[in-house]
Amino acid sequence: MRKALAEAQQALEEGEIPIGAVVVCQDHVIARAHNLTEALHDVTAHAEMQAITAAANELGGKYLNECTLYVTIEPCTMCAGALGWSQISRIVYGATDEKRGFHEYAPHALHPKTTITAGILEEECRQFMQDFFRQKR
């Protein structure tokens, strides 16, 4: 999760919403990403989406069924859908996203075998978001 927080910091420095993601496979980091929605002018360029693509390219296939995604904020419904299609084994996230998180709006979007761990470094992950939006207002 610390590596995902480092990605969130990079996003913050680039003026992006500070969400970071890392994909680990067999104890190796195979993908790192952060939000790029502003830089790419693309509403789908979430950290998770970028990480899924990078990990699939690294593995040479579309399925991430032996991988874990670490992400600072609970994935949204779009990202949860993509993660479901990737058949990712595990998702570990920091803070819950009460406004857009998949648990509230798409609780069945993930693959049935995907396990979820929530609340890892939750306060640090939440603080990134709160500080970012406080500065925007």
C-alpha atoms as a PDB file:
ATOM      1  CA  MET A   1       0.000   0.000   0.000  1.00  0.00           C
ATOM      2  CA  ARG A   2       2.936   2.328   0.579  1.00  0.00           C
ATOM      3  CA  LYS A   3       3.838   2.002  -3.106  1.00  0.00           C
ATOM      4  CA  ALA A   4       0.253   2.887  -4.034  1.00  0.00           C
ATOM      5  CA  LEU A   5       0.484   5.924  -1.742  1.00  0.00           C
ATOM      6  CA  ALA A   6       3.670   6.970  -3.568  1.00  0.00           C
ATOM      7  CA  GLU A   7       1.692   6.813  -6.823  1.00  0.00           C
ATOM      8  CA  ALA A   8      -1.051   8.918  -5.232  1.00  0.00           C
ATOM      9  CA  GLN A   9       1.603  11.483  -4.273  1.00  0.00           C
ATOM     10  CA  GLN A  10       2.792  11.596  -7.876  1.00  0.00           C
ATOM     11  CA  ALA A  11      -0.785  12.131  -9.051  1.00  0.00           C
ATOM     12  CA  LEU A  12      -1.130  14.981  -6.572  1.00  0.00           C
ATOM     13  CA  GLU A  13       2.058  16.603  -7.859  1.00  0.00           C
ATOM     14  CA  GLU A  14       0.661  16.377 -11.401  1.00  0.00           C
ATOM     15  CA  GLY A  15      -2.640  18.009 -10.427  1.00  0.00           C
ATOM     16  CA  GLU A  16      -4.593  14.758 -10.638  1.00  0.00           C
ATOM     17  CA  ILE A  17      -6.966  13.366  -8.030  1.00  0.00           C
ATOM     18  CA  PRO A  18      -4.498  11.560  -5.747  1.00  0.00           C
ATOM     19  CA  ILE A  19      -5.287   7.902  -6.227  1.00  0.00           C
ATOM     20  CA  GLY A  20      -2.526   5.374  -6.727  1.00  0.00           C
ATOM     21  CA  ALA A  21      -2.528   1.697  -7.638  1.00  0.00           C
ATOM     22  CA  VAL A  22      -0.005  -1.130  -7.743  1.00  0.00           C
ATOM     23  CA  VAL A  23      -0.427  -4.672  -9.076  1.00  0.00           C
ATOM     24  CA  VAL A  24       1.612  -7.454  -7.493  1.00  0.00           C
ATOM     25  CA  CYS A  25       2.025 -10.924  -8.981  1.00  0.00           C
ATOM     26  CA  GLN A  26       4.028 -13.669  -7.287  1.00  0.00           C
ATOM     27  CA  ASP A  27       5.547 -11.147  -4.857  1.00  0.00           C
ATOM     28  CA  HIS A  28       6.725  -8.833  -7.657  1.00  0.00           C
ATOM     29  CA  VAL A  29       5.341  -5.412  -8.535  1.00  0.00           C
ATOM     30  CA  ILE A  30       4.346  -5.710 -12.179  1.00  0.00           C
ATOM     31  CA  ALA A  31       2.451  -2.431 -12.588  1.00  0.00           C
ATOM     32  CA  ARG A  32       2.257   0.992 -10.967  1.00  0.00           C
ATOM     33  CA  ALA A  33      -0.207   3.698 -11.891  1.00  0.00           C
ATOM     34  CA  HIS A  34      -2.034   6.803 -10.773  1.00  0.00           C
ATOM     35  CA  ASN A  35      -4.932   8.834 -12.061  1.00  0.00           C
ATOM     36  CA  LEU A  36      -4.304  10.424 -15.465  1.00  0.00           C
ATOM     37  CA  THR A  37      -7.764  11.780 -16.225  1.00  0.00           C
ATOM     38  CA  GLU A  38      -6.587  15.385 -16.509  1.00  0.00           C
ATOM     39  CA  ALA A  39      -3.403  14.677 -18.465  1.00  0.00           C
ATOM     40  CA  LEU A  40      -5.134  12.372 -20.946  1.00  0.00           C
ATOM     41  CA  HIS A  41      -8.476  14.244 -21.014  1.00  0.00           C
ATOM     42  CA  ASP A  42     -10.050  10.849 -20.416  1.00  0.00           C
ATOM     43  CA  VAL A  43     -12.606  10.142 -17.708  1.00  0.00           C
ATOM     44  CA  THR A  44     -11.698   6.447 -17.840  1.00  0.00           C
ATOM     45  CA  ALA A  45      -8.000   7.006 -17.023  1.00  0.00           C
ATOM     46  CA  HIS A  46      -8.380   6.014 -13.380  1.00  0.00           C
ATOM     47  CA  ALA A  47      -5.404   4.568 -11.519  1.00  0.00           C
ATOM     48  CA  GLU A  48      -6.965   1.107 -11.487  1.00  0.00           C
ATOM     49  CA  MET A  49      -7.649   1.137 -15.231  1.00  0.00           C
ATOM     50  CA  GLN A  50      -4.079   2.202 -15.950  1.00  0.00           C
ATOM     51  CA  ALA A  51      -2.759  -0.503 -13.616  1.00  0.00           C
ATOM     52  CA  ILE A  52      -4.929  -3.230 -15.183  1.00  0.00           C
ATOM     53  CA  THR A  53      -3.647  -2.370 -18.654  1.00  0.00           C
ATOM     54  CA  ALA A  54      -0.003  -2.199 -17.547  1.00  0.00           C
ATOM     55  CA  ALA A  55      -0.257  -5.500 -15.653  1.00  0.00           C
ATOM     56  CA  ALA A  56      -1.952  -7.293 -18.552  1.00  0.00           C
ATOM     57  CA  ASN A  57       0.745  -6.024 -20.909  1.00  0.00           C
ATOM     58  CA  GLU A  58       3.458  -7.194 -18.515  1.00  0.00           C
ATOM     59  CA  LEU A  59       1.905 -10.659 -18.223  1.00  0.00           C
ATOM     60  CA  GLY A  60       1.038 -10.922 -21.908  1.00  0.00           C
ATOM     61  CA  GLY A  61      -2.608 -11.743 -21.246  1.00  0.00           C
ATOM     62  CA  LYS A  62      -5.839 -10.173 -20.093  1.00  0.00           C
ATOM     63  CA  TYR A  63      -6.412 -12.185 -16.925  1.00  0.00           C
ATOM     64  CA  LEU A  64      -4.931 -11.137 -13.589  1.00  0.00           C
ATOM     65  CA  ASN A  65      -6.135 -14.184 -11.685  1.00  0.00           C
ATOM     66  CA  GLU A  66      -2.857 -14.575  -9.793  1.00  0.00           C
ATOM     67  CA  CYS A  67      -2.506 -10.886  -8.934  1.00  0.00           C
ATOM     68  CA  THR A  68      -3.330  -8.464  -6.148  1.00  0.00           C
ATOM     69  CA  LEU A  69      -4.286  -4.839  -6.747  1.00  0.00           C
ATOM     70  CA  TYR A  70      -3.367  -2.363  -4.033  1.00  0.00           C
ATOM     71  CA  VAL A  71      -5.262   0.903  -4.447  1.00  0.00           C
ATOM     72  CA  THR A  72      -5.556   3.873  -2.120  1.00  0.00           C
ATOM     73  CA  ILE A  73      -9.320   4.369  -2.531  1.00  0.00           C
ATOM     74  CA  GLU A  74     -12.144   1.876  -3.028  1.00  0.00           C
ATOM     75  CA  PRO A  75     -12.632   1.310  -6.769  1.00  0.00           C
ATOM     76  CA  CYS A  76     -15.585   2.945  -8.492  1.00  0.00           C
ATOM     77  CA  THR A  77     -18.168   0.917 -10.399  1.00  0.00           C
ATOM     78  CA  MET A  78     -16.333   1.339 -13.721  1.00  0.00           C
ATOM     79  CA  CYS A  79     -13.066   0.093 -12.252  1.00  0.00           C
ATOM     80  CA  ALA A  80     -14.789  -2.729 -10.370  1.00  0.00           C
ATOM     81  CA  GLY A  81     -16.334  -3.887 -13.642  1.00  0.00           C
ATOM     82  CA  ALA A  82     -12.946  -3.904 -15.354  1.00  0.00           C
ATOM     83  CA  LEU A  83     -11.395  -5.683 -12.380  1.00  0.00           C
ATOM     84  CA  GLY A  84     -14.162  -8.259 -12.593  1.00  0.00           C
ATOM     85  CA  TRP A  85     -13.413  -8.893 -16.252  1.00  0.00           C
ATOM     86  CA  SER A  86      -9.707  -9.223 -15.419  1.00  0.00           C
ATOM     87  CA  GLN A  87     -10.564 -11.927 -12.858  1.00  0.00           C
ATOM     88  CA  ILE A  88      -8.114 -10.368 -10.403  1.00  0.00           C
ATOM     89  CA  SER A  89      -7.559 -12.573  -7.360  1.00  0.00           C
ATOM     90  CA  ARG A  90      -7.460  -9.937  -4.673  1.00  0.00           C
ATOM     91  CA  ILE A  91      -8.117  -6.240  -4.144  1.00  0.00           C
ATOM     92  CA  VAL A  92      -6.651  -4.366  -1.199  1.00  0.00           C
ATOM     93  CA  TYR A  93      -7.776  -0.780  -0.717  1.00  0.00           C
ATOM     94  CA  GLY A  94      -7.212   1.962   1.801  1.00  0.00           C
ATOM     95  CA  ALA A  95     -10.197   4.254   2.263  1.00  0.00           C
ATOM     96  CA  THR A  96     -13.828   3.683   1.374  1.00  0.00           C
ATOM     97  CA  ASP A  97     -15.343   5.932  -1.288  1.00  0.00           C
ATOM     98  CA  GLU A  98     -18.792   6.642   0.107  1.00  0.00           C
ATOM     99  CA  LYS A  99     -19.876   8.670  -2.949  1.00  0.00           C
ATOM    100  CA  ARG A 100     -18.688   6.433  -5.806  1.00  0.00           C
ATOM    101  CA  GLY A 101     -17.417   3.153  -4.355  1.00  0.00           C
ATOM    102  CA  PHE A 102     -18.488  -0.133  -5.911  1.00  0.00           C
ATOM    103  CA  HIS A 103     -19.714  -1.652  -2.615  1.00  0.00           C
ATOM    104  CA  GLU A 104     -22.633   0.763  -2.610  1.00  0.00           C
ATOM    105  CA  TYR A 105     -23.467   0.838  -6.313  1.00  0.00           C
ATOM    106  CA  ALA A 106     -22.168  -2.392  -7.870  1.00  0.00           C
ATOM    107  CA  PRO A 107     -21.505  -4.954  -5.153  1.00  0.00           C
ATOM    108  CA  HIS A 108     -21.565  -7.849  -7.636  1.00  0.00           C
ATOM    109  CA  ALA A 109     -19.253  -6.339 -10.266  1.00  0.00           C
ATOM    110  CA  LEU A 110     -16.169  -8.269  -9.193  1.00  0.00           C
ATOM    111  CA  HIS A 111     -15.375 -11.849 -10.146  1.00  0.00           C
ATOM    112  CA  PRO A 112     -16.911 -14.236  -7.589  1.00  0.00           C
ATOM    113  CA  LYS A 113     -13.478 -15.557  -6.547  1.00  0.00           C
ATOM    114  CA  THR A 114     -11.982 -12.102  -5.917  1.00  0.00           C
ATOM    115  CA  THR A 115     -11.205 -11.436  -2.273  1.00  0.00           C
ATOM    116  CA  ILE A 116     -11.268  -7.935  -0.806  1.00  0.00           C
ATOM    117  CA  THR A 117      -9.314  -6.421   2.044  1.00  0.00           C
ATOM    118  CA  ALA A 118     -10.320  -2.895   3.055  1.00  0.00           C
ATOM    119  CA  GLY A 119      -8.967  -0.286   5.447  1.00  0.00           C
ATOM    120  CA  ILE A 120      -5.217  -0.736   4.920  1.00  0.00           C
ATOM    121  CA  LEU A 121      -3.493   2.573   5.797  1.00  0.00           C
ATOM    122  CA  GLU A 122      -7.005   3.971   5.658  1.00  0.00           C
ATOM    123  CA  GLU A 123      -6.327   7.267   7.400  1.00  0.00           C
ATOM    124  CA  GLU A 124      -3.342   8.125   5.200  1.00  0.00           C
ATOM    125  CA  CYS A 125      -5.285   7.273   2.058  1.00  0.00           C
ATOM    126  CA  ARG A 126      -8.294   9.302   3.181  1.00  0.00           C
ATOM    127  CA  GLN A 127      -6.105  12.265   4.122  1.00  0.00           C
ATOM    128  CA  PHE A 128      -4.686  12.520   0.582  1.00  0.00           C
ATOM    129  CA  MET A 129      -8.198  12.892  -0.802  1.00  0.00           C
ATOM    130  CA  GLN A 130      -9.420  15.286   1.885  1.00  0.00           C
ATOM    131  CA  ASP A 131      -6.381  17.545   1.513  1.00  0.00           C
ATOM    132  CA  PHE A 132      -6.722  17.565  -2.284  1.00  0.00           C
ATOM    133  CA  PHE A 133     -10.389  18.534  -2.270  1.00  0.00           C
ATOM    134  CA  ARG A 134      -9.912  21.035   0.549  1.00  0.00           C
ATOM    135  CA  GLN A 135      -7.347  22.862  -1.609  1.00  0.00           C
ATOM    136  CA  LYS A 136      -9.712  22.801  -4.594  1.00  0.00           C
ATOM    137  CA  ARG A 137     -12.502  24.555  -2.686  1.00  0.00           C
END
